[in-house]
N, C-alpha and C. Protein backbone atom coordinates (compact mmCIF):
# COMPACT_ATOMS: atom_id res chain seq x y z
N MET A 1 1.54 -1.27 -0.19
CA MET A 1 -0.31 -0.07 0.70
C MET A 1 1.42 1.17 0.05
N PHE A 2 1.12 2.10 -1.02
CA PHE A 2 1.59 4.09 -1.23
C PHE A 2 0.91 3.79 0.13
N ARG A 3 2.01 4.86 0.67
CA ARG A 3 1.76 5.66 1.89
C ARG A 3 2.06 7.64 2.10
N ASN A 4 1.57 8.34 1.86
CA ASN A 4 2.33 9.79 1.30
C ASN A 4 2.85 10.11 1.84
N LEU A 5 4.14 10.00 2.92
CA LEU A 5 4.44 9.96 3.81
C LEU A 5 5.83 11.07 3.78
N SER A 6 6.45 11.24 1.82
CA SER A 6 7.75 12.41 1.74
C SER A 6 7.21 13.52 1.97
N LYS A 7 5.36 14.13 0.82
CA LYS A 7 6.09 14.24 -0.01
C LYS A 7 4.08 15.47 0.39
N ARG A 8 4.04 14.97 1.80
CA ARG A 8 3.17 15.61 2.82
C ARG A 8 3.32 17.08 3.50
N VAL A 9 2.56 17.97 4.14
CA VAL A 9 3.53 19.25 4.58
C VAL A 9 1.86 18.69 6.07
N GLU A 10 1.80 19.11 7.07
CA GLU A 10 1.86 19.30 8.52
C GLU A 10 1.70 20.12 9.41
N VAL A 11 1.07 21.02 9.34
CA VAL A 11 1.06 22.32 10.19
C VAL A 11 0.47 22.16 11.94
N VAL A 12 1.42 22.97 12.81
CA VAL A 12 0.79 22.86 13.81
C VAL A 12 0.67 24.14 14.81
N THR A 13 -0.25 25.00 15.51
CA THR A 13 -0.51 25.88 15.52
C THR A 13 -1.52 25.53 17.16
N PRO A 14 -1.30 26.57 17.87
CA PRO A 14 -1.54 26.98 19.15
C PRO A 14 -2.92 27.07 19.22
N VAL A 15 -3.65 26.73 20.32
CA VAL A 15 -6.01 26.98 19.72
C VAL A 15 -5.38 27.54 21.15
N SER A 16 -5.64 28.47 20.87
CA SER A 16 -6.39 29.79 22.29
C SER A 16 -7.36 29.41 23.20
N ASN A 17 -8.63 29.65 22.35
CA ASN A 17 -9.54 29.55 22.05
C ASN A 17 -10.18 28.83 23.42
N ALA A 18 -11.51 28.66 24.59
CA ALA A 18 -11.17 27.59 24.95
C ALA A 18 -12.98 26.88 24.31
N LYS A 19 -13.35 27.88 23.48
CA LYS A 19 -14.90 26.99 22.97
C LYS A 19 -13.74 25.90 21.76
N ALA A 20 -13.15 26.16 21.19
CA ALA A 20 -12.06 25.41 19.88
C ALA A 20 -11.38 24.86 20.46
N LYS A 21 -10.55 25.02 22.08
CA LYS A 21 -10.55 24.01 22.33
C LYS A 21 -10.55 22.86 22.89
N ALA A 22 -11.87 22.51 23.39
CA ALA A 22 -12.35 21.81 23.88
C ALA A 22 -13.98 21.01 23.38
N ARG A 23 -13.59 20.85 21.34
CA ARG A 23 -14.27 20.70 20.71
C ARG A 23 -13.40 19.93 19.71
N LEU A 24 -11.74 20.60 19.64
CA LEU A 24 -10.24 19.85 19.39
C LEU A 24 -10.73 18.71 20.87
N TRP A 25 -10.57 18.62 21.48
CA TRP A 25 -10.19 17.43 22.91
C TRP A 25 -11.35 16.62 22.69
N GLU A 26 -12.50 17.18 22.17
CA GLU A 26 -13.43 15.67 22.15
C GLU A 26 -14.14 15.06 20.78
N VAL A 27 -12.85 15.77 19.41
CA VAL A 27 -12.38 14.81 18.72
C VAL A 27 -11.62 13.88 19.50
N LEU A 28 -10.81 14.16 19.70
CA LEU A 28 -9.18 13.36 20.06
C LEU A 28 -10.34 12.44 20.86
N GLY A 29 -10.72 12.39 21.41
CA GLY A 29 -12.04 11.82 22.30
C GLY A 29 -12.73 10.16 21.14
N ILE A 30 -12.68 11.12 20.98
CA ILE A 30 -13.64 10.42 19.67
C ILE A 30 -13.00 9.46 18.88
N CYS A 31 -11.55 10.25 18.53
CA CYS A 31 -10.86 8.93 18.40
C CYS A 31 -9.67 7.29 18.74
N LEU A 32 -9.46 7.91 20.01
CA LEU A 32 -8.68 7.37 21.07
C LEU A 32 -10.41 5.92 21.43
N ARG A 33 -11.24 6.40 21.26
CA ARG A 33 -12.52 5.33 21.17
C ARG A 33 -13.22 4.52 20.44
N ASP A 34 -12.57 5.64 18.99
CA ASP A 34 -12.26 4.08 18.34
C ASP A 34 -11.75 2.36 17.84
N ARG A 35 -13.18 2.12 18.09
CA ARG A 35 -12.63 0.39 18.35
C ARG A 35 -13.45 -0.53 16.91
N ARG A 36 -13.45 0.61 15.38
CA ARG A 36 -14.41 -0.02 14.70
C ARG A 36 -12.85 0.17 13.51
N GLN A 37 -13.05 1.44 13.06
CA GLN A 37 -11.90 1.20 12.09
C GLN A 37 -9.74 1.95 13.40
N ALA A 38 -10.06 1.29 14.01
CA ALA A 38 -8.42 1.79 15.24
C ALA A 38 -7.82 0.69 14.22
N TRP A 39 -6.81 0.72 13.78
CA TRP A 39 -5.14 -0.69 13.87
C TRP A 39 -4.46 0.07 15.07
N VAL A 40 -4.18 -1.15 15.63
CA VAL A 40 -2.78 -0.84 16.70
C VAL A 40 -0.96 -1.43 15.39
N LEU A 41 -0.54 -1.10 16.26
CA LEU A 41 0.96 -1.29 15.37
C LEU A 41 1.82 -1.68 17.06
N GLY A 42 2.38 -2.85 16.68
CA GLY A 42 3.28 -4.56 17.45
C GLY A 42 3.93 -3.65 17.64
N PRO A 43 4.61 -3.96 18.10
CA PRO A 43 6.08 -3.68 18.58
C PRO A 43 7.15 -4.33 17.35
N ASP A 44 6.86 -5.94 16.15
CA ASP A 44 7.40 -5.97 15.65
C ASP A 44 7.33 -5.70 14.22
N GLY A 45 6.82 -4.62 14.09
CA GLY A 45 5.87 -4.38 13.32
C GLY A 45 4.94 -4.77 12.45
N THR A 46 3.77 -5.26 12.64
CA THR A 46 2.92 -6.17 12.27
C THR A 46 1.51 -4.58 13.25
N TYR A 47 0.31 -5.29 12.37
CA TYR A 47 -0.32 -3.76 12.70
C TYR A 47 -1.93 -4.56 13.53
N TRP A 48 -2.80 -5.08 13.89
CA TRP A 48 -4.17 -5.42 13.61
C TRP A 48 -4.86 -4.28 14.77
N GLN A 49 -6.83 -4.99 13.69
CA GLN A 49 -7.85 -3.90 13.74
C GLN A 49 -8.04 -4.60 15.01
N LEU A 50 -8.68 -3.24 15.97
CA LEU A 50 -9.16 -3.41 17.23
C LEU A 50 -11.19 -3.83 16.30
N HIS A 51 -11.26 -4.20 17.47
CA HIS A 51 -13.10 -4.31 16.76
C HIS A 51 -13.98 -4.25 18.38
N PRO A 52 -15.22 -4.22 18.24
CA PRO A 52 -15.99 -3.36 18.93
C PRO A 52 -16.06 -3.87 20.44
N ASP A 53 -15.94 -5.84 20.45
CA ASP A 53 -16.02 -6.42 21.53
C ASP A 53 -14.61 -6.82 22.38
N ALA A 54 -13.79 -6.10 21.71
CA ALA A 54 -12.58 -7.30 21.64
C ALA A 54 -11.90 -6.64 23.66
N ASN A 55 -13.10 -5.10 24.68
CA ASN A 55 -12.99 -5.54 25.75
C ASN A 55 -13.65 -5.99 27.40
N GLY A 56 -14.82 -6.99 25.61
CA GLY A 56 -15.36 -7.60 27.26
C GLY A 56 -17.06 -6.66 26.89
N GLU A 57 -17.01 -6.05 26.13
CA GLU A 57 -18.34 -5.22 26.75
C GLU A 57 -18.82 -4.63 25.20
N THR A 58 -20.01 -5.07 25.30
CA THR A 58 -20.54 -4.11 23.85
C THR A 58 -21.05 -2.68 24.26
N PRO A 59 -20.66 -1.37 22.95
CA PRO A 59 -20.85 -0.64 23.25
C PRO A 59 -22.31 -0.08 23.41
N GLU A 60 -22.38 0.87 23.94
CA GLU A 60 -23.95 1.70 23.38
C GLU A 60 -23.80 2.34 21.72
N HIS A 61 -25.27 1.92 21.01
CA HIS A 61 -24.97 2.70 19.38
C HIS A 61 -24.81 3.55 19.32
N GLY A 62 -24.63 4.23 18.48
CA GLY A 62 -23.53 5.39 18.10
C GLY A 62 -22.20 5.14 18.78
N ALA A 63 -22.49 5.05 20.00
CA ALA A 63 -20.03 5.58 20.30
C ALA A 63 -19.37 5.26 19.75
N PRO A 64 -18.31 6.67 19.51
CA PRO A 64 -17.45 5.75 18.01
C PRO A 64 -16.59 4.13 18.68
N GLN A 65 -16.96 3.60 19.58
CA GLN A 65 -16.64 1.83 20.07
C GLN A 65 -17.38 1.61 18.89
N SER A 66 -18.79 1.80 19.19
CA SER A 66 -19.27 0.08 17.56
C SER A 66 -19.25 0.77 16.53
N ASP A 67 -19.20 2.83 16.23
CA ASP A 67 -20.04 3.16 15.44
C ASP A 67 -18.59 3.47 13.96
N GLY A 68 -17.48 3.94 14.81
CA GLY A 68 -16.31 4.66 13.96
C GLY A 68 -15.41 5.64 14.54
N THR A 69 -14.79 6.51 14.26
CA THR A 69 -15.13 7.48 14.01
C THR A 69 -15.41 8.51 13.33
N HIS A 70 -15.32 8.32 12.58
CA HIS A 70 -16.46 9.03 10.93
C HIS A 70 -17.35 8.98 10.98
N GLU A 71 -18.00 7.73 11.19
CA GLU A 71 -19.27 7.80 11.51
C GLU A 71 -20.22 8.73 12.95
N THR A 72 -19.45 8.29 13.22
CA THR A 72 -19.31 8.86 15.12
C THR A 72 -19.65 10.52 14.52
N LEU A 73 -18.14 11.21 13.98
CA LEU A 73 -18.31 12.20 13.29
C LEU A 73 -19.57 13.39 11.74
N MET A 74 -19.68 12.08 11.78
CA MET A 74 -20.80 12.65 10.67
C MET A 74 -22.23 12.34 11.92
N ASN A 75 -22.75 11.60 12.30
CA ASN A 75 -23.34 11.99 13.75
C ASN A 75 -23.47 13.25 14.10
N ILE A 76 -22.31 13.31 14.54
CA ILE A 76 -22.22 14.46 15.40
C ILE A 76 -23.07 15.90 14.75
N ALA A 77 -22.02 15.75 13.01
CA ALA A 77 -22.47 17.37 12.35
C ALA A 77 -23.64 17.38 11.51
N ARG A 78 -24.13 16.43 12.03
CA ARG A 78 -25.67 16.20 11.24
C ARG A 78 -26.51 16.76 12.69
N HIS A 79 -26.25 15.63 13.99
CA HIS A 79 -27.31 16.85 14.88
C HIS A 79 -26.92 18.29 15.10
N CYS A 80 -25.57 19.43 14.96
CA CYS A 80 -25.58 20.40 15.46
C CYS A 80 -26.27 21.22 13.79
N SER A 81 -25.97 20.54 13.03
CA SER A 81 -26.96 21.29 12.41
C SER A 81 -27.60 21.41 12.07
N GLU A 82 -29.08 20.61 12.51
CA GLU A 82 -30.73 20.61 13.22
C GLU A 82 -30.63 22.35 13.28
């Protein structure tokens, strides 16, 4: 699989607005709780995909653990636009 690691640009900037910071922390939390589309890199260089039931619990519908990051963020965007 081709990965664009050589020709991309990444930018970092401080965020001072409290509301924007809270929103960014919310998005980061959703990404970190994703168990549908997340992959883990092992120490030997191999990847394995996380699954919603990997922790022995059944997450509630609509959570990033069950729906994944993209679906969860789309649902939040739809709800905010109503």
